[in-house]
Amino acid sequence: METIDAIILGIIQGLTEFLPVSSSGHLEIGKAILGDHSVPEESLLFTVVLHFATALSTIVIFRKDILDLIKGALKFEWNDDLQFISKIALSMIPAVIIGLFFEEQLESLFGGNLLLVGAMLLVTAVLLFLADKAKDTGKPVTFSNAFIIGISQAIAMLPGISRSGATISTSVLLGNDKTKAARFSFLMVVPLIFGKIAKDILGGELNFENTDITALSAGFIAAFVCGLFACTWMISLVKKSKLSYFAIYCAIVGCIAIGYTVLN
């Protein structure tokens, strides 16, 4: 992979990880346009590294929230902070199960399957449209909500389903406050990404021997910087209920991806 291609894909990842348009779907589309013919395992490696970059940008944006949660948890009391962390842990269960038992099947989907990406983008569009019509409330995320949102996060492991779009939409449709839904959505993925990378490193699955480190680093930096911008922007957009615009965008890109696949 050329360095410039890695930077372009890093920018795509950084912007689309937080905006509800599916970062994985856009990465697959970007790879297809740029002519990246990596085997699924190599393609997934690059995707994981870029997701790691945006996870770091999440930590930077929510650093105060994260520090408060850690301080609250260290009091070893069943307070709001420890309950929030417990909800995050609960939300991770569905994705962990998918990652442990269906990893090979999942990896096989990251090989430029634009028909799947297009179809899943249309699903994302429907979710965003429905969520945009929901009324704002002051309701926090409950434990049962957290598990259901976790299921939507697991489904969003498919390329084309927006993780932020699916989790925020699910949370809002469950009656949760939009701002609280966005905060929960962005924080719930951080331990999942770090856990995934730790598992792959310990299991020897992330092999960098035949990888262009310069290109990978360039993509990482681009994703991190763009992620800082997109995360802040997305929080503002959710508060203003602007999800319908992204629904239209996902529908258009989804149709284009499907049309491209059919015509070729």
Protein backbone atom coordinates (compact mmCIF):
# COMPACT_ATOMS: atom_id res chain seq x y z
CA MET A 1 0.00 0.00 0.00
CA GLU A 2 1.33 3.44 -0.94
CA THR A 3 1.75 6.00 1.83
CA ILE A 4 -0.62 8.46 0.17
CA ASP A 5 -3.27 5.72 -0.05
CA ALA A 6 -2.80 4.95 3.64
CA ILE A 7 -3.25 8.64 4.49
CA ILE A 8 -6.44 8.84 2.43
CA LEU A 9 -7.82 5.73 4.16
CA GLY A 10 -6.74 7.15 7.53
CA ILE A 11 -8.67 10.35 6.83
CA ILE A 12 -11.70 8.28 5.81
CA GLN A 13 -11.46 6.25 9.02
CA GLY A 14 -10.97 9.29 11.25
CA LEU A 15 -13.97 11.11 9.83
CA THR A 16 -16.32 8.16 9.48
CA GLU A 17 -15.61 6.38 12.78
CA PHE A 18 -17.63 8.96 14.68
CA LEU A 19 -19.93 10.21 11.95
CA PRO A 20 -22.76 7.67 11.49
CA VAL A 21 -21.80 6.55 7.99
CA SER A 22 -19.82 3.33 8.69
CA SER A 23 -16.05 3.63 8.82
CA SER A 24 -15.57 -0.04 7.87
CA GLY A 25 -17.87 0.33 4.89
CA HIS A 26 -16.09 3.45 3.66
CA LEU A 27 -12.71 1.79 4.16
CA GLU A 28 -13.81 -1.10 1.97
CA ILE A 29 -15.10 1.31 -0.67
CA GLY A 30 -11.89 3.33 -0.42
CA LYS A 31 -9.73 0.24 -0.82
CA ALA A 32 -11.73 -0.80 -3.88
CA ILE A 33 -11.35 2.65 -5.47
CA LEU A 34 -7.63 2.83 -4.67
CA GLY A 35 -7.07 -0.68 -5.96
CA ASP A 36 -5.99 -2.24 -2.68
CA HIS A 37 -6.12 -5.99 -3.25
CA SER A 38 -4.92 -7.05 0.19
CA VAL A 39 -6.06 -10.45 1.37
CA PRO A 40 -8.78 -10.24 4.04
CA GLU A 41 -6.33 -10.78 6.93
CA GLU A 42 -4.03 -7.94 5.82
CA SER A 43 -7.03 -5.72 5.11
CA LEU A 44 -8.37 -6.39 8.60
CA LEU A 45 -4.95 -5.59 10.12
CA PHE A 46 -4.98 -2.14 8.56
CA THR A 47 -8.58 -1.62 9.66
CA VAL A 48 -7.75 -2.60 13.26
CA VAL A 49 -4.79 -0.20 13.38
CA LEU A 50 -6.95 2.67 12.13
CA HIS A 51 -9.64 1.84 14.67
CA PHE A 52 -6.93 1.92 17.34
CA ALA A 53 -6.05 5.46 16.23
CA THR A 54 -9.64 6.65 16.56
CA ALA A 55 -9.92 4.91 19.94
CA LEU A 56 -7.02 7.07 21.10
CA SER A 57 -8.75 10.19 19.79
CA THR A 58 -11.82 9.18 21.81
CA ILE A 59 -9.68 8.99 24.94
CA VAL A 60 -8.33 12.47 24.27
CA ILE A 61 -11.80 13.99 23.73
CA PHE A 62 -13.32 12.24 26.77
CA ARG A 63 -10.21 12.35 28.96
CA LYS A 64 -12.00 14.21 31.76
CA ASP A 65 -14.93 11.78 31.70
CA ILE A 66 -12.57 8.79 31.74
CA LEU A 67 -10.52 10.18 34.64
CA ASP A 68 -13.70 10.87 36.61
CA LEU A 69 -14.89 7.30 35.96
CA ILE A 70 -11.57 5.87 37.13
CA LYS A 71 -11.56 8.04 40.27
CA GLY A 72 -15.14 7.06 41.02
CA ALA A 73 -14.43 3.36 40.51
CA LEU A 74 -11.40 3.49 42.84
CA LYS A 75 -13.72 4.50 45.68
CA PHE A 76 -15.02 0.90 45.50
CA GLU A 77 -18.59 2.03 46.01
CA TRP A 78 -21.66 1.24 43.91
CA ASN A 79 -21.76 4.83 42.69
CA ASP A 80 -22.73 6.30 39.30
CA ASP A 81 -19.20 5.92 37.93
CA LEU A 82 -18.87 2.23 38.79
CA GLN A 83 -22.37 1.60 37.45
CA PHE A 84 -21.45 3.31 34.17
CA ILE A 85 -18.31 1.17 33.86
CA SER A 86 -20.41 -1.93 34.58
CA LYS A 87 -22.82 -0.93 31.80
CA ILE A 88 -19.88 -0.54 29.42
CA ALA A 89 -18.65 -4.02 30.38
CA LEU A 90 -22.13 -5.46 29.87
CA SER A 91 -22.41 -3.84 26.44
CA MET A 92 -19.17 -5.52 25.35
CA ILE A 93 -20.46 -9.09 25.82
CA PRO A 94 -22.22 -9.54 22.43
CA ALA A 95 -19.24 -8.19 20.43
CA VAL A 96 -16.79 -10.31 22.45
CA ILE A 97 -18.83 -13.43 21.69
CA ILE A 98 -18.84 -12.62 17.97
CA GLY A 99 -15.12 -11.87 18.03
CA LEU A 100 -14.23 -15.11 19.82
CA PHE A 101 -16.43 -17.57 17.95
CA PHE A 102 -16.97 -16.03 14.52
CA GLU A 103 -13.69 -14.19 13.90
CA GLU A 104 -12.77 -16.08 10.71
CA GLN A 105 -16.20 -15.56 9.20
CA LEU A 106 -16.01 -11.87 10.07
CA GLU A 107 -12.53 -11.47 8.56
CA SER A 108 -13.74 -12.96 5.27
CA LEU A 109 -16.19 -10.07 4.88
CA PHE A 110 -13.39 -7.49 4.79
CA GLY A 111 -12.26 -8.18 1.25
CA GLY A 112 -14.00 -5.59 -0.91
CA ASN A 113 -17.51 -7.05 -0.79
CA LEU A 114 -19.19 -3.85 -1.95
CA LEU A 115 -22.59 -5.50 -2.41
CA LEU A 116 -22.69 -6.31 1.31
CA VAL A 117 -21.36 -2.85 2.19
CA GLY A 118 -24.04 -1.18 0.07
CA ALA A 119 -26.85 -3.24 1.57
CA MET A 120 -25.68 -2.56 5.12
CA LEU A 121 -25.37 1.18 4.42
CA LEU A 122 -29.06 1.14 3.49
CA VAL A 123 -29.81 -0.51 6.84
CA THR A 124 -27.79 2.22 8.56
CA ALA A 125 -29.78 4.87 6.67
CA VAL A 126 -33.07 3.45 7.98
CA LEU A 127 -31.79 3.38 11.58
CA LEU A 128 -30.58 6.98 11.39
CA PHE A 129 -33.85 8.19 9.89
CA LEU A 130 -35.88 6.54 12.66
CA ALA A 131 -33.58 7.86 15.40
CA ASP A 132 -33.74 11.41 14.04
CA LYS A 133 -37.51 11.41 14.54
CA ALA A 134 -37.28 10.32 18.17
CA LYS A 135 -37.94 12.90 20.87
CA ASP A 136 -35.10 13.98 23.14
CA THR A 137 -35.39 12.87 26.78
CA GLY A 138 -33.40 13.05 29.97
CA LYS A 139 -33.37 9.29 30.43
CA PRO A 140 -29.95 7.72 31.11
CA VAL A 141 -28.77 4.39 29.70
CA THR A 142 -29.98 1.52 31.89
CA PHE A 143 -28.36 -1.91 32.28
CA SER A 144 -30.91 -3.56 30.01
CA ASN A 145 -30.41 -0.75 27.49
CA ALA A 146 -26.64 -1.27 27.64
CA PHE A 147 -26.93 -4.93 26.65
CA ILE A 148 -29.30 -4.18 23.78
CA ILE A 149 -26.99 -1.41 22.56
CA GLY A 150 -24.17 -3.94 22.83
CA ILE A 151 -26.06 -6.25 20.46
CA SER A 152 -26.32 -3.43 17.93
CA GLN A 153 -22.58 -2.84 18.32
CA ALA A 154 -21.92 -6.50 17.58
CA ILE A 155 -24.08 -6.33 14.44
CA ALA A 156 -22.17 -3.18 13.44
CA MET A 157 -19.03 -5.30 13.09
CA LEU A 158 -20.36 -5.99 9.60
CA PRO A 159 -18.82 -3.62 7.01
CA GLY A 160 -21.42 -1.03 6.09
CA ILE A 161 -23.26 -0.90 9.41
CA SER A 162 -22.20 2.27 11.21
CA ARG A 163 -21.13 1.44 14.76
CA SER A 164 -21.84 4.92 16.10
CA GLY A 165 -24.99 5.16 13.99
CA ALA A 166 -26.29 1.78 15.14
CA THR A 167 -25.50 2.26 18.83
CA ILE A 168 -26.69 5.87 19.07
CA SER A 169 -29.85 5.07 17.08
CA THR A 170 -30.61 2.02 19.22
CA SER A 171 -30.07 4.01 22.40
CA VAL A 172 -32.27 6.90 21.24
CA LEU A 173 -35.02 4.52 20.07
CA LEU A 174 -34.93 2.95 23.54
CA GLY A 175 -35.80 6.38 24.90
CA ASN A 176 -32.37 7.52 26.09
CA ASP A 177 -31.20 11.12 26.04
CA LYS A 178 -29.35 11.85 22.78
CA THR A 179 -26.29 13.45 24.38
CA LYS A 180 -25.98 10.62 26.90
CA ALA A 181 -26.47 8.11 24.09
CA ALA A 182 -23.58 9.63 22.12
CA ARG A 183 -21.30 9.65 25.17
CA PHE A 184 -22.08 6.01 25.92
CA SER A 185 -21.64 5.04 22.26
CA PHE A 186 -18.19 6.59 21.95
CA LEU A 187 -16.88 5.29 25.28
CA MET A 188 -18.21 1.73 24.93
CA VAL A 189 -15.99 0.94 21.95
CA VAL A 190 -12.67 1.96 23.57
CA PRO A 191 -12.13 -1.13 25.79
CA LEU A 192 -13.38 -3.34 22.96
CA ILE A 193 -10.76 -2.07 20.51
CA PHE A 194 -7.94 -2.28 23.04
CA GLY A 195 -9.07 -5.78 24.00
CA LYS A 196 -9.13 -6.85 20.35
CA ILE A 197 -5.62 -5.56 19.73
CA ALA A 198 -4.29 -7.17 22.92
CA LYS A 199 -5.84 -10.49 21.92
CA ASP A 200 -4.33 -10.35 18.43
CA ILE A 201 -0.88 -9.39 19.72
CA LEU A 202 -0.83 -12.12 22.38
CA GLY A 203 -2.14 -14.64 19.87
CA GLY A 204 0.45 -13.63 17.26
CA GLU A 205 -2.26 -12.79 14.75
CA LEU A 206 -1.03 -9.26 13.98
CA ASN A 207 1.96 -9.91 11.74
CA PHE A 208 3.80 -6.76 10.69
CA GLU A 209 6.61 -8.54 8.83
CA ASN A 210 5.26 -7.91 5.34
CA THR A 211 3.61 -4.60 6.21
CA ASP A 212 4.79 -1.15 5.14
CA ILE A 213 5.27 0.44 8.56
CA THR A 214 5.63 3.93 7.06
CA ALA A 215 2.28 3.67 5.29
CA LEU A 216 0.65 2.13 8.36
CA SER A 217 2.00 4.94 10.58
CA ALA A 218 0.83 7.62 8.15
CA GLY A 219 -2.65 6.12 8.12
CA PHE A 220 -2.65 5.92 11.92
CA ILE A 221 -1.72 9.61 12.34
CA ALA A 222 -4.28 10.74 9.75
CA ALA A 223 -7.03 8.72 11.45
CA PHE A 224 -6.11 10.07 14.90
CA VAL A 225 -6.10 13.74 13.86
CA CYS A 226 -9.32 13.50 11.84
CA GLY A 227 -10.91 11.51 14.65
CA LEU A 228 -10.38 14.38 17.08
CA PHE A 229 -12.31 16.68 14.77
CA ALA A 230 -15.08 14.24 13.88
CA CYS A 231 -15.77 13.16 17.47
CA THR A 232 -16.29 16.76 18.61
CA TRP A 233 -18.44 17.52 15.57
CA MET A 234 -20.61 14.44 16.01
CA ILE A 235 -21.45 15.28 19.63
CA SER A 236 -22.71 18.67 18.46
CA LEU A 237 -24.71 17.14 15.60
CA VAL A 238 -26.47 14.62 17.84
CA LYS A 239 -27.57 17.42 20.16
CA LYS A 240 -29.05 19.28 17.19
CA SER A 241 -30.78 16.17 15.74
CA LYS A 242 -29.11 16.24 12.34
CA LEU A 243 -29.00 12.48 11.77
CA SER A 244 -31.41 12.55 8.82
CA TYR A 245 -28.74 14.18 6.64
CA PHE A 246 -26.46 11.22 7.28
CA ALA A 247 -29.34 8.86 6.57
CA ILE A 248 -29.68 10.39 3.10
CA TYR A 249 -25.92 10.20 2.58
CA CYS A 250 -25.75 6.51 3.59
CA ALA A 251 -28.68 5.70 1.29
CA ILE A 252 -26.98 7.39 -1.67
CA VAL A 253 -23.57 5.78 -1.07
CA GLY A 254 -25.23 2.42 -0.46
CA CYS A 255 -27.09 2.59 -3.76
CA ILE A 256 -23.90 3.61 -5.57
CA ALA A 257 -21.98 0.69 -4.05
CA ILE A 258 -24.71 -1.77 -5.02
CA GLY A 259 -24.98 -0.29 -8.52
CA TYR A 260 -21.20 -0.44 -9.00
CA THR A 261 -21.14 -4.10 -7.97
CA VAL A 262 -24.05 -5.05 -10.27
CA LEU A 263 -22.62 -3.21 -13.29
CA ASN A 264 -19.18 -4.71 -12.82
